[in-house]
Protein backbone atom coordinates (compact mmCIF):
# COMPACT_ATOMS: atom_id res chain seq x y z
CA UNK A 1 60.63 149.85 25.13
CA UNK A 2 57.24 148.65 26.36
CA UNK A 3 53.90 150.25 27.10
CA UNK A 4 52.55 150.59 30.63
CA UNK A 5 50.56 147.34 30.27
CA UNK A 6 53.72 145.41 29.43
CA UNK A 7 53.09 144.96 25.68
CA UNK A 8 55.84 145.67 23.16
CA UNK A 9 55.94 148.80 21.07
CA UNK A 10 55.71 148.35 17.25
CA UNK A 11 59.48 148.93 16.90
CA UNK A 12 60.24 146.24 19.49
CA UNK A 13 57.79 143.87 17.80
CA UNK A 14 59.57 144.35 14.46
CA UNK A 15 62.95 143.71 16.04
CA UNK A 16 61.61 140.70 17.92
CA UNK A 17 60.18 139.31 14.69
CA UNK A 18 63.52 139.46 12.93
CA UNK A 19 65.31 136.15 12.88
CA UNK A 20 69.03 135.67 12.70
CA UNK A 21 70.20 133.31 9.98
CA UNK A 22 70.59 129.81 11.32
CA UNK A 23 71.82 126.44 10.10
CA UNK A 24 68.59 125.82 8.16
CA UNK A 25 69.00 129.10 6.26
CA UNK A 26 72.58 128.23 5.33
CA UNK A 27 71.54 124.78 4.11
CA UNK A 28 68.78 126.31 1.98
CA UNK A 29 71.29 128.74 0.46
CA UNK A 30 73.67 125.88 -0.34
CA UNK A 31 70.87 123.91 -2.04
CA UNK A 32 69.92 126.92 -4.17
CA UNK A 33 73.57 127.53 -5.11
CA UNK A 34 74.01 123.85 -5.98
CA UNK A 35 71.02 123.94 -8.32
CA UNK A 36 72.19 127.25 -9.85
CA UNK A 37 75.63 125.74 -10.43
CA UNK A 38 74.05 122.66 -11.99
CA UNK A 39 72.02 124.88 -14.33
CA UNK A 40 75.16 126.79 -15.36
CA UNK A 41 76.98 123.56 -16.19
CA UNK A 42 73.93 122.02 -17.87
CA UNK A 43 73.45 125.05 -20.16
CA UNK A 44 77.09 125.42 -21.18
CA UNK A 45 78.48 121.90 -21.42
CA UNK A 46 77.27 119.65 -24.22
CA UNK A 47 77.00 116.22 -22.63
CA UNK A 48 74.59 113.31 -23.15
CA UNK A 49 74.18 112.95 -19.36
CA UNK A 50 71.11 114.82 -18.09
CA UNK A 51 71.88 117.47 -15.48
CA UNK A 52 68.34 117.30 -14.09
CA UNK A 53 69.47 115.24 -11.13
CA UNK A 54 71.37 118.30 -9.90
CA UNK A 55 68.07 120.15 -9.45
CA UNK A 56 66.44 117.57 -7.17
CA UNK A 57 68.05 119.00 -3.97
CA UNK A 58 66.21 122.25 -4.68
CA UNK A 59 62.95 120.51 -3.71
CA UNK A 60 64.25 119.99 -0.16
CA UNK A 61 64.18 123.74 0.41
CA UNK A 62 60.42 123.35 0.91
CA UNK A 63 61.04 120.69 3.57
CA UNK A 64 63.40 122.97 5.47
CA UNK A 65 60.88 125.81 5.25
CA UNK A 66 58.01 123.50 6.33
CA UNK A 67 55.84 124.87 3.52
CA UNK A 68 54.13 122.64 0.95
CA UNK A 69 53.68 125.55 -1.46
CA UNK A 70 57.44 126.13 -1.45
CA UNK A 71 57.94 122.42 -2.21
CA UNK A 72 55.85 122.58 -5.39
CA UNK A 73 57.34 125.94 -6.40
CA UNK A 74 60.85 124.52 -6.11
CA UNK A 75 59.76 121.38 -7.97
CA UNK A 76 58.41 123.54 -10.80
CA UNK A 77 61.65 125.53 -10.85
CA UNK A 78 63.67 122.29 -11.01
CA UNK A 79 61.50 121.04 -13.90
CA UNK A 80 61.98 124.34 -15.75
CA UNK A 81 65.75 124.10 -15.29
CA UNK A 82 65.67 120.55 -16.64
CA UNK A 83 63.79 121.74 -19.73
CA UNK A 84 66.23 124.62 -20.24
CA UNK A 85 69.12 122.17 -20.16
CA UNK A 86 67.48 120.22 -22.97
CA UNK A 87 67.59 123.20 -25.35
CA UNK A 88 70.87 124.83 -24.21
CA UNK A 89 73.51 125.18 -25.44
CA UNK A 90 71.70 123.27 -28.24
CA UNK A 91 69.54 120.21 -28.67
CA UNK A 92 71.59 117.06 -28.35
CA UNK A 93 72.43 115.07 -31.48
CA UNK A 94 71.08 111.89 -29.90
CA UNK A 95 67.54 113.18 -29.47
CA UNK A 96 66.11 109.89 -28.17
CA UNK A 97 68.69 109.52 -25.38
CA UNK A 98 68.29 113.17 -24.40
CA UNK A 99 64.51 112.82 -24.16
CA UNK A 100 64.82 109.67 -22.05
CA UNK A 101 67.35 111.29 -19.70
CA UNK A 102 65.30 114.47 -19.29
CA UNK A 103 62.12 112.46 -18.83
CA UNK A 104 63.70 110.37 -16.11
CA UNK A 105 64.95 113.55 -14.42
CA UNK A 106 61.46 115.06 -14.48
CA UNK A 107 60.02 111.83 -13.08
CA UNK A 108 62.60 111.81 -10.29
CA UNK A 109 61.81 115.44 -9.46
CA UNK A 110 58.07 114.65 -9.33
CA UNK A 111 58.58 111.60 -7.10
CA UNK A 112 60.83 113.52 -4.69
CA UNK A 113 58.37 116.43 -4.63
CA UNK A 114 55.47 114.11 -3.74
CA UNK A 115 57.51 112.48 -0.97
CA UNK A 116 58.74 115.80 0.44
CA UNK A 117 55.24 117.32 0.30
CA UNK A 118 53.89 114.33 2.21
CA UNK A 119 56.64 114.76 4.79
CA UNK A 120 55.79 118.45 5.16
CA UNK A 121 52.10 117.60 5.68
CA UNK A 122 53.06 114.96 8.24
CA UNK A 123 55.25 117.43 10.14
CA UNK A 124 52.45 120.00 10.10
CA UNK A 125 49.99 117.40 11.41
CA UNK A 126 52.38 116.34 14.17
CA UNK A 127 52.96 119.96 15.17
CA UNK A 128 49.21 120.59 15.24
CA UNK A 129 48.57 117.49 17.36
CA UNK A 130 51.41 118.46 19.69
CA UNK A 131 49.96 121.94 20.10
CA UNK A 132 46.51 120.51 20.79
CA UNK A 133 47.95 118.06 23.33
CA UNK A 134 49.85 120.85 25.07
CA UNK A 135 46.72 123.00 25.15
CA UNK A 136 44.68 120.10 26.53
CA UNK A 137 47.31 119.40 29.19
CA UNK A 138 47.32 123.06 30.18
CA UNK A 139 43.51 123.11 30.33
CA UNK A 140 43.57 119.96 32.47
CA UNK A 141 46.07 121.54 34.85
CA UNK A 142 43.99 124.71 35.12
CA UNK A 143 40.85 122.64 35.70
CA UNK A 144 42.46 120.57 38.45
CA UNK A 145 43.87 123.70 40.04
CA UNK A 146 40.49 125.50 40.07
CA UNK A 147 38.57 122.43 41.25
CA UNK A 148 41.09 121.83 44.02
CA UNK A 149 40.83 125.41 45.22
CA UNK A 150 37.03 125.27 45.13
CA UNK A 151 36.97 122.04 47.15
CA UNK A 152 39.39 123.15 49.83
CA UNK A 153 37.10 125.89 51.20
CA UNK A 154 34.12 123.63 52.06
CA UNK A 155 36.45 120.87 53.27
CA UNK A 156 38.14 123.27 55.67
CA UNK A 157 34.70 124.23 56.95
CA UNK A 158 33.77 120.56 57.47
CA UNK A 159 37.03 119.86 59.31
CA UNK A 160 36.72 122.98 61.43
CA UNK A 161 33.15 122.35 62.53
CA UNK A 162 33.88 118.67 63.15
CA UNK A 163 36.74 119.52 65.49
CA UNK A 164 34.51 122.01 67.30
CA UNK A 165 31.63 119.53 67.72
CA UNK A 166 33.60 116.45 68.85
CA UNK A 167 34.52 117.73 72.37
CA UNK A 168 30.89 118.64 73.21
CA UNK A 169 29.01 115.89 71.35
CA UNK A 170 27.07 113.03 72.90
CA UNK A 171 28.71 109.63 73.24
CA UNK A 172 26.59 108.13 70.48
CA UNK A 173 27.67 110.92 68.08
CA UNK A 174 31.43 110.70 68.63
CA UNK A 175 32.05 107.81 66.22
CA UNK A 176 30.02 109.43 63.45
CA UNK A 177 31.79 112.78 63.82
CA UNK A 178 35.17 111.04 63.91
CA UNK A 179 34.26 109.21 60.69
CA UNK A 180 33.23 112.48 59.06
CA UNK A 181 36.47 114.14 60.15
CA UNK A 182 38.58 111.23 58.89
CA UNK A 183 36.81 111.19 55.53
CA UNK A 184 37.25 114.96 55.19
CA UNK A 185 40.97 114.69 55.98
CA UNK A 186 41.35 111.91 53.43
CA UNK A 187 39.57 113.98 50.80
CA UNK A 188 41.72 117.00 51.71
CA UNK A 189 44.88 114.95 51.08
CA UNK A 190 43.50 113.90 47.69
CA UNK A 191 42.71 117.54 46.85
CA UNK A 192 46.19 118.67 47.89
CA UNK A 193 47.75 115.94 45.77
CA UNK A 194 45.63 117.00 42.78
CA UNK A 195 46.67 120.62 43.27
CA UNK A 196 50.35 119.73 43.55
CA UNK A 197 50.08 117.42 40.53
CA UNK A 198 48.56 120.23 38.46
CA UNK A 199 51.37 122.61 39.45
CA UNK A 200 54.31 120.19 39.58
CA UNK A 201 55.79 121.27 36.23
CA UNK A 202 55.53 124.98 37.00
CA UNK A 203 56.47 124.99 40.68
CA UNK A 204 60.09 126.13 41.12
CA UNK A 205 62.32 123.80 43.12
CA UNK A 206 65.38 124.89 45.10
CA UNK A 207 68.01 122.20 44.81
CA UNK A 208 70.19 122.59 47.92
CA UNK A 209 71.97 120.30 50.38
CA UNK A 210 69.37 118.73 52.69
CA UNK A 211 69.99 116.96 56.01
CA UNK A 212 67.82 113.90 55.52
CA UNK A 213 68.09 112.70 59.11
CA UNK A 214 66.30 115.75 60.50
CA UNK A 215 63.82 116.14 57.63
CA UNK A 216 62.77 112.48 57.36
CA UNK A 217 62.55 112.25 61.15
CA UNK A 218 59.97 115.05 61.20
CA UNK A 219 57.97 113.42 58.40
CA UNK A 220 57.96 110.06 60.20
CA UNK A 221 56.86 111.78 63.40
CA UNK A 222 53.88 113.33 61.63
CA UNK A 223 52.61 109.81 60.78
CA UNK A 224 52.94 108.34 64.27
CA UNK A 225 49.31 109.05 65.18
CA UNK A 226 47.98 107.38 62.01
CA UNK A 227 50.22 104.36 62.61
CA UNK A 228 49.20 104.11 66.27
CA UNK A 229 45.50 104.05 65.33
CA UNK A 230 46.16 100.87 63.34
CA UNK A 231 48.63 99.52 65.95
CA UNK A 232 51.35 99.61 63.29
CA UNK A 233 54.94 99.74 64.48
CA UNK A 234 56.69 102.69 62.79
CA UNK A 235 60.51 102.36 62.69
CA UNK A 236 63.08 104.89 61.57
CA UNK A 237 66.84 104.57 61.06
CA UNK A 238 69.23 107.01 59.42
CA UNK A 239 72.91 106.58 58.61
CA UNK A 240 75.11 109.34 60.06
CA UNK A 241 75.84 112.21 57.68
CA UNK A 242 73.13 111.31 55.17
CA UNK A 243 72.95 114.51 53.15
CA UNK A 244 71.33 114.71 49.73
CA UNK A 245 70.93 117.32 47.02
CA UNK A 246 67.28 118.22 46.50
CA UNK A 247 64.35 120.44 47.40
CA UNK A 248 63.20 120.15 51.01
CA UNK A 249 59.51 120.62 50.20
CA UNK A 250 59.64 118.05 47.38
CA UNK A 251 61.45 115.47 49.53
CA UNK A 252 58.90 115.95 52.28
CA UNK A 253 56.01 115.49 49.84
CA UNK A 254 57.54 112.31 48.38
CA UNK A 255 58.25 110.64 51.74
CA UNK A 256 54.85 111.74 53.06
CA UNK A 257 53.13 110.04 50.09
CA UNK A 258 55.21 106.85 50.44
CA UNK A 259 54.53 106.63 54.18
CA UNK A 260 50.84 107.35 53.70
CA UNK A 261 50.57 104.44 51.24
CA UNK A 262 52.63 102.14 53.46
CA UNK A 263 50.38 102.74 56.49
CA UNK A 264 47.21 102.62 54.38
CA UNK A 265 48.00 99.20 52.88
CA UNK A 266 49.46 97.58 56.00
CA UNK A 267 47.21 95.45 58.19
CA UNK A 268 46.80 96.30 61.91
CA UNK A 269 49.73 94.99 63.92
CA UNK A 270 52.14 95.26 60.97
CA UNK A 271 55.40 97.14 60.59
CA UNK A 272 56.49 100.10 58.47
CA UNK A 273 60.22 100.83 58.43
CA UNK A 274 62.00 103.90 57.04
CA UNK A 275 65.72 103.49 56.46
CA UNK A 276 68.04 106.22 55.13
CA UNK A 277 71.35 104.96 53.81
CA UNK A 278 74.16 106.42 51.74
CA UNK A 279 75.67 104.78 48.68
CA UNK A 280 78.33 105.81 46.20
CA UNK A 281 77.07 109.03 44.66
CA UNK A 282 73.50 108.75 45.97
CA UNK A 283 71.33 108.54 49.07
CA UNK A 284 68.40 106.12 49.37
CA UNK A 285 65.34 106.56 51.57
CA UNK A 286 63.74 103.12 51.85
CA UNK A 287 60.13 102.73 52.97
CA UNK A 288 59.34 99.06 53.64
CA UNK A 289 56.11 97.51 54.89
CA UNK A 290 54.70 94.02 55.38
CA UNK A 291 51.28 94.91 54.02
CA UNK A 292 49.28 93.56 51.09
CA UNK A 293 51.96 94.38 48.53
CA UNK A 294 51.60 95.67 44.98
CA UNK A 295 50.40 93.78 41.92
CA UNK A 296 52.38 93.42 38.71
CA UNK A 297 50.01 95.68 36.77
CA UNK A 298 50.37 98.44 39.35
CA UNK A 299 54.16 98.04 39.33
CA UNK A 300 54.26 98.32 35.55
CA UNK A 301 52.22 101.56 35.62
CA UNK A 302 53.89 103.08 38.67
CA UNK A 303 53.51 106.84 38.52
CA UNK A 304 50.44 106.88 36.26
CA UNK A 305 47.72 108.95 37.97
CA UNK A 306 44.46 107.09 38.46
CA UNK A 307 45.88 103.68 37.50
CA UNK A 308 45.43 100.95 40.09
CA UNK A 309 44.29 97.61 38.74
CA UNK A 310 44.99 95.66 41.93
CA UNK A 311 41.49 94.84 43.29
CA UNK A 312 42.73 94.28 46.84
CA UNK A 313 44.50 97.64 46.99
CA UNK A 314 41.50 99.40 45.42
CA UNK A 315 39.05 97.92 47.93
CA UNK A 316 41.23 98.48 50.95
CA UNK A 317 42.97 101.78 50.20
CA UNK A 318 40.50 103.67 48.04
CA UNK A 319 43.47 105.34 46.38
CA UNK A 320 43.90 106.85 42.93
CA UNK A 321 47.70 106.66 42.70
CA UNK A 322 48.02 110.47 42.65
CA UNK A 323 50.54 110.50 45.49
CA UNK A 324 52.83 108.01 43.73
CA UNK A 325 52.51 109.86 40.42
CA UNK A 326 53.46 113.11 42.13
CA UNK A 327 56.38 111.36 43.84
CA UNK A 328 57.74 110.04 40.54
CA UNK A 329 57.56 113.51 38.94
CA UNK A 330 59.15 115.30 41.89
CA UNK A 331 61.95 112.72 42.12
CA UNK A 332 62.72 113.13 38.42
CA UNK A 333 62.85 116.94 38.76
CA UNK A 334 65.47 116.52 41.53
CA UNK A 335 67.58 114.26 39.27
CA UNK A 336 66.46 111.30 41.37
CA UNK A 337 64.14 108.32 40.96
CA UNK A 338 61.51 106.19 42.67
CA UNK A 339 62.63 102.57 42.81
CA UNK A 340 60.70 99.40 43.66
CA UNK A 341 62.25 96.30 45.17
CA UNK A 342 61.64 93.67 42.45
CA UNK A 343 62.56 90.74 44.71
CA UNK A 344 60.04 91.51 47.44
CA UNK A 345 57.67 88.57 47.95
CA UNK A 346 55.53 90.09 50.71
CA UNK A 347 54.69 93.70 51.39
CA UNK A 348 56.14 96.59 49.43
CA UNK A 349 59.65 97.97 49.31
CA UNK A 350 59.98 101.36 47.66
CA UNK A 351 62.77 103.92 47.81
CA UNK A 352 63.57 107.49 46.86
CA UNK A 353 67.04 107.82 45.32
CA UNK A 354 68.64 111.28 45.38
CA UNK A 355 72.07 112.61 44.43
CA UNK A 356 74.42 112.59 47.39
CA UNK A 357 76.20 115.70 48.55
CA UNK A 358 79.94 115.23 48.08
């Protein structure tokens, strides 16, 4: 049972701490039995061959237990067994050969012990670095989450007051207020992407059949105003019965990010086309534009937050690549992928591939 604060009682803690024997425990038992059997043979059979080699596997018990002290304890036990075999059942007649054989066995045990101890230290160091990396990643996620929440409150205030002031402002103030509102909306999108990126691994996704025609149509419609401001022609086509398996919120976030980038990096008067088509076993949502395109360095690091080494895209779009990084992660969690058209000479062709509902 548990206490009122949810912690375990001492009895439950003891039961939780007990570990059922696993494969590693069985292997350790076999290694100990092998060495014990080798000692029994070595101490009863009079043979010029040294039985010390049978004790070397005992050293690997320390590796399985991930404990350097156990490694050296087992190595000492193996050395003691080797020495016992020298005297039992009696000292060999060929004393020189026996000493050489036992010496070589002790040397082999020492070499194996040094190697295994080094491996144990390496494993411990890797585990420690992995734990530190996981802790740092968790701290980064918490930091992004808290910063995003702190930034949303003042940004909402800026957006709200801007919308209230624009209808009653003077003519010479309208452009400035519109610029402030646009910058605040851009920053709000960045903050939302940061928040979603910090929570993407912990946010539960519901993988259900999704009608892409209706969903993608609504997402495209939400970008019509932004496209019209740049006189960009926004096209949308969907094959009949295009139904995918995925999370509706995640699909919307991915297509929203892809469309936002397509409109951002397309010159006024250009075209952005969204095409949903079904293939064998999958559904593809293509987002194509005739904008400035994507450099090789950016293509190679697609999905890396903050990486954009294309100077033209950096100057024109002021983006950090957070939306694409979030899209790559969400697509992978839905058993899908983000794919780039490698043969595109102008503009950018990018697609979301999702499992198709059968």
